[in-house]
N, C-alpha and C. Protein backbone atom coordinates (compact mmCIF):
# COMPACT_ATOMS: atom_id res chain seq x y z
N UNK A 1 -5.54 -1.53 24.21
CA UNK A 1 -6.02 -2.76 23.61
C UNK A 1 -5.48 -2.87 22.19
N UNK A 2 -5.06 -4.05 21.81
CA UNK A 2 -4.53 -4.22 20.45
C UNK A 2 -5.63 -4.30 19.41
N UNK A 3 -5.23 -4.16 18.17
CA UNK A 3 -6.15 -4.33 17.05
C UNK A 3 -5.92 -5.70 16.43
N UNK A 4 -7.00 -6.27 15.93
CA UNK A 4 -6.92 -7.53 15.22
C UNK A 4 -7.39 -7.29 13.80
N UNK A 5 -6.63 -7.82 12.85
CA UNK A 5 -6.95 -7.71 11.43
C UNK A 5 -7.80 -8.92 11.06
N UNK A 6 -9.03 -8.68 10.62
CA UNK A 6 -9.96 -9.76 10.28
C UNK A 6 -10.08 -9.84 8.77
N UNK A 7 -9.74 -11.01 8.24
CA UNK A 7 -9.83 -11.27 6.80
C UNK A 7 -11.12 -12.03 6.54
N UNK A 8 -11.89 -11.56 5.58
CA UNK A 8 -13.15 -12.20 5.24
C UNK A 8 -12.99 -13.07 4.00
N UNK A 9 -13.78 -14.13 3.92
CA UNK A 9 -13.74 -15.05 2.78
C UNK A 9 -14.15 -14.30 1.52
N UNK A 10 -13.37 -14.47 0.45
CA UNK A 10 -13.68 -13.85 -0.83
C UNK A 10 -13.32 -12.38 -0.94
N UNK A 11 -12.67 -11.82 0.08
CA UNK A 11 -12.29 -10.40 0.04
C UNK A 11 -10.77 -10.28 0.11
N UNK A 12 -10.22 -9.36 -0.64
CA UNK A 12 -8.77 -9.16 -0.66
C UNK A 12 -8.30 -8.29 0.50
N UNK A 13 -9.16 -7.45 1.03
CA UNK A 13 -8.76 -6.56 2.11
C UNK A 13 -9.22 -7.09 3.46
N UNK A 14 -8.80 -6.42 4.51
CA UNK A 14 -9.14 -6.81 5.88
C UNK A 14 -9.60 -5.59 6.65
N UNK A 15 -10.34 -5.82 7.71
CA UNK A 15 -10.80 -4.75 8.59
C UNK A 15 -10.12 -4.88 9.95
N UNK A 16 -9.87 -3.75 10.59
CA UNK A 16 -9.28 -3.75 11.93
C UNK A 16 -10.37 -3.64 12.98
N UNK A 17 -10.27 -4.48 14.01
CA UNK A 17 -11.20 -4.43 15.12
C UNK A 17 -10.38 -4.30 16.40
N UNK A 18 -10.72 -3.34 17.24
CA UNK A 18 -10.04 -3.14 18.51
C UNK A 18 -10.70 -4.05 19.53
N UNK A 19 -9.93 -5.02 20.06
CA UNK A 19 -10.49 -6.00 20.98
C UNK A 19 -9.40 -6.52 21.91
N UNK A 20 -9.81 -7.13 23.02
CA UNK A 20 -8.87 -7.69 23.99
C UNK A 20 -8.33 -9.05 23.55
N UNK A 21 -9.10 -9.78 22.75
CA UNK A 21 -8.69 -11.13 22.35
C UNK A 21 -9.20 -11.41 20.93
N UNK A 22 -8.67 -12.45 20.29
CA UNK A 22 -9.17 -12.81 18.96
C UNK A 22 -10.65 -13.21 18.99
N UNK A 23 -11.08 -13.83 20.10
CA UNK A 23 -12.49 -14.22 20.23
C UNK A 23 -13.41 -13.01 20.25
N UNK A 24 -12.99 -11.96 20.94
CA UNK A 24 -13.78 -10.73 20.99
C UNK A 24 -13.81 -10.07 19.62
N UNK A 25 -12.69 -10.09 18.91
CA UNK A 25 -12.64 -9.53 17.56
C UNK A 25 -13.55 -10.32 16.63
N UNK A 26 -13.57 -11.66 16.78
CA UNK A 26 -14.44 -12.51 15.97
C UNK A 26 -15.91 -12.16 16.22
N UNK A 27 -16.26 -11.96 17.48
CA UNK A 27 -17.65 -11.63 17.81
C UNK A 27 -18.06 -10.30 17.18
N UNK A 28 -17.16 -9.33 17.21
CA UNK A 28 -17.46 -8.04 16.59
C UNK A 28 -17.60 -8.18 15.08
N UNK A 29 -16.71 -8.98 14.47
CA UNK A 29 -16.71 -9.14 13.01
C UNK A 29 -17.92 -9.94 12.53
N UNK A 30 -18.40 -10.87 13.34
CA UNK A 30 -19.56 -11.66 12.95
C UNK A 30 -20.81 -10.81 12.85
N UNK A 31 -20.81 -9.67 13.49
CA UNK A 31 -21.93 -8.74 13.40
C UNK A 31 -22.12 -8.19 12.00
N UNK A 32 -21.09 -8.29 11.16
CA UNK A 32 -21.19 -7.81 9.78
C UNK A 32 -21.87 -8.82 8.87
N UNK A 33 -21.97 -10.08 9.33
CA UNK A 33 -22.67 -11.10 8.56
C UNK A 33 -21.88 -11.68 7.39
N UNK A 34 -20.55 -11.49 7.39
CA UNK A 34 -19.71 -12.05 6.33
C UNK A 34 -18.89 -13.20 6.91
N UNK A 35 -18.62 -14.26 6.13
CA UNK A 35 -17.81 -15.37 6.64
C UNK A 35 -16.35 -14.95 6.85
N UNK A 36 -15.80 -15.33 7.99
CA UNK A 36 -14.44 -14.95 8.37
C UNK A 36 -13.46 -16.03 7.90
N UNK A 37 -12.38 -15.59 7.26
CA UNK A 37 -11.34 -16.51 6.80
C UNK A 37 -10.26 -16.69 7.87
N UNK A 38 -9.72 -15.59 8.41
CA UNK A 38 -8.73 -15.67 9.48
C UNK A 38 -8.64 -14.35 10.23
N UNK A 39 -8.04 -14.44 11.42
CA UNK A 39 -7.85 -13.28 12.29
C UNK A 39 -6.39 -13.25 12.70
N UNK A 40 -5.76 -12.08 12.53
CA UNK A 40 -4.35 -11.93 12.90
C UNK A 40 -4.17 -10.69 13.77
N UNK A 41 -3.26 -10.78 14.70
CA UNK A 41 -2.92 -9.64 15.55
C UNK A 41 -2.17 -8.61 14.72
N UNK A 42 -2.57 -7.35 14.83
CA UNK A 42 -1.85 -6.27 14.15
C UNK A 42 -0.72 -5.85 15.08
N UNK A 43 0.51 -6.30 14.79
CA UNK A 43 1.65 -6.09 15.69
C UNK A 43 1.96 -4.63 15.96
N UNK A 44 1.65 -3.75 15.04
CA UNK A 44 1.98 -2.33 15.23
C UNK A 44 1.17 -1.69 16.34
N UNK A 45 0.06 -2.30 16.74
CA UNK A 45 -0.79 -1.71 17.77
C UNK A 45 -0.53 -2.30 19.16
N UNK A 46 0.43 -3.23 19.28
CA UNK A 46 0.74 -3.85 20.56
C UNK A 46 1.83 -3.05 21.24
N UNK A 47 1.64 -2.77 22.51
CA UNK A 47 2.64 -2.06 23.29
C UNK A 47 3.92 -2.90 23.36
N UNK A 48 5.07 -2.34 23.00
CA UNK A 48 6.31 -3.13 22.96
C UNK A 48 6.66 -3.83 24.27
N UNK A 49 6.27 -3.28 25.40
CA UNK A 49 6.59 -3.93 26.68
C UNK A 49 5.76 -5.20 26.89
N UNK A 50 4.72 -5.41 26.09
CA UNK A 50 3.89 -6.60 26.21
C UNK A 50 4.25 -7.67 25.19
N UNK A 51 5.17 -7.36 24.29
CA UNK A 51 5.58 -8.33 23.26
C UNK A 51 6.58 -9.32 23.82
N UNK A 52 6.55 -10.51 23.29
CA UNK A 52 7.55 -11.51 23.64
C UNK A 52 8.87 -11.09 23.00
N UNK A 53 9.98 -11.29 23.69
CA UNK A 53 11.26 -10.91 23.09
C UNK A 53 11.57 -11.80 21.89
N UNK A 54 12.22 -11.23 20.90
CA UNK A 54 12.63 -12.00 19.73
C UNK A 54 13.90 -12.77 20.09
N UNK A 55 13.91 -14.04 19.79
CA UNK A 55 15.07 -14.88 20.08
C UNK A 55 15.72 -15.32 18.77
N UNK A 56 17.04 -15.51 18.83
CA UNK A 56 17.75 -16.02 17.66
C UNK A 56 17.53 -17.53 17.59
N UNK A 57 17.87 -18.12 16.46
CA UNK A 57 17.73 -19.58 16.33
C UNK A 57 18.56 -20.31 17.35
N UNK A 58 19.76 -19.80 17.61
CA UNK A 58 20.63 -20.43 18.59
C UNK A 58 19.98 -20.44 19.98
N UNK A 59 19.39 -19.33 20.36
CA UNK A 59 18.74 -19.24 21.66
C UNK A 59 17.52 -20.18 21.72
N UNK A 60 16.80 -20.28 20.61
CA UNK A 60 15.65 -21.18 20.59
C UNK A 60 16.07 -22.64 20.70
N UNK A 61 17.21 -22.97 20.15
CA UNK A 61 17.71 -24.36 20.19
C UNK A 61 18.47 -24.67 21.47
N UNK A 62 18.64 -23.68 22.34
CA UNK A 62 19.28 -23.91 23.63
C UNK A 62 20.80 -23.86 23.59
N UNK A 63 21.37 -23.39 22.52
CA UNK A 63 22.84 -23.30 22.42
C UNK A 63 23.28 -21.90 22.86
N UNK A 64 24.39 -21.82 23.55
CA UNK A 64 24.88 -20.49 23.97
C UNK A 64 25.30 -19.66 22.75
N UNK A 65 25.20 -18.36 22.88
CA UNK A 65 25.54 -17.47 21.76
C UNK A 65 27.03 -17.22 21.63
N UNK A 66 27.85 -17.63 22.61
CA UNK A 66 29.29 -17.41 22.56
C UNK A 66 30.01 -18.57 21.91
């Protein structure tokens, strides 16, 4: 399961929550009673085989790379 970095309003740091989805991470973070500013996926904890492949701008625009 990946980790989600939860940023709280008025705080400079973030906490990591291990969850299946951002909604599950939000539910865990709301238990602390602090207002949540944003939630981001911590990419370092995602299994590389589950990541979307990185595409170049050319590939994104549909132009061949040759």
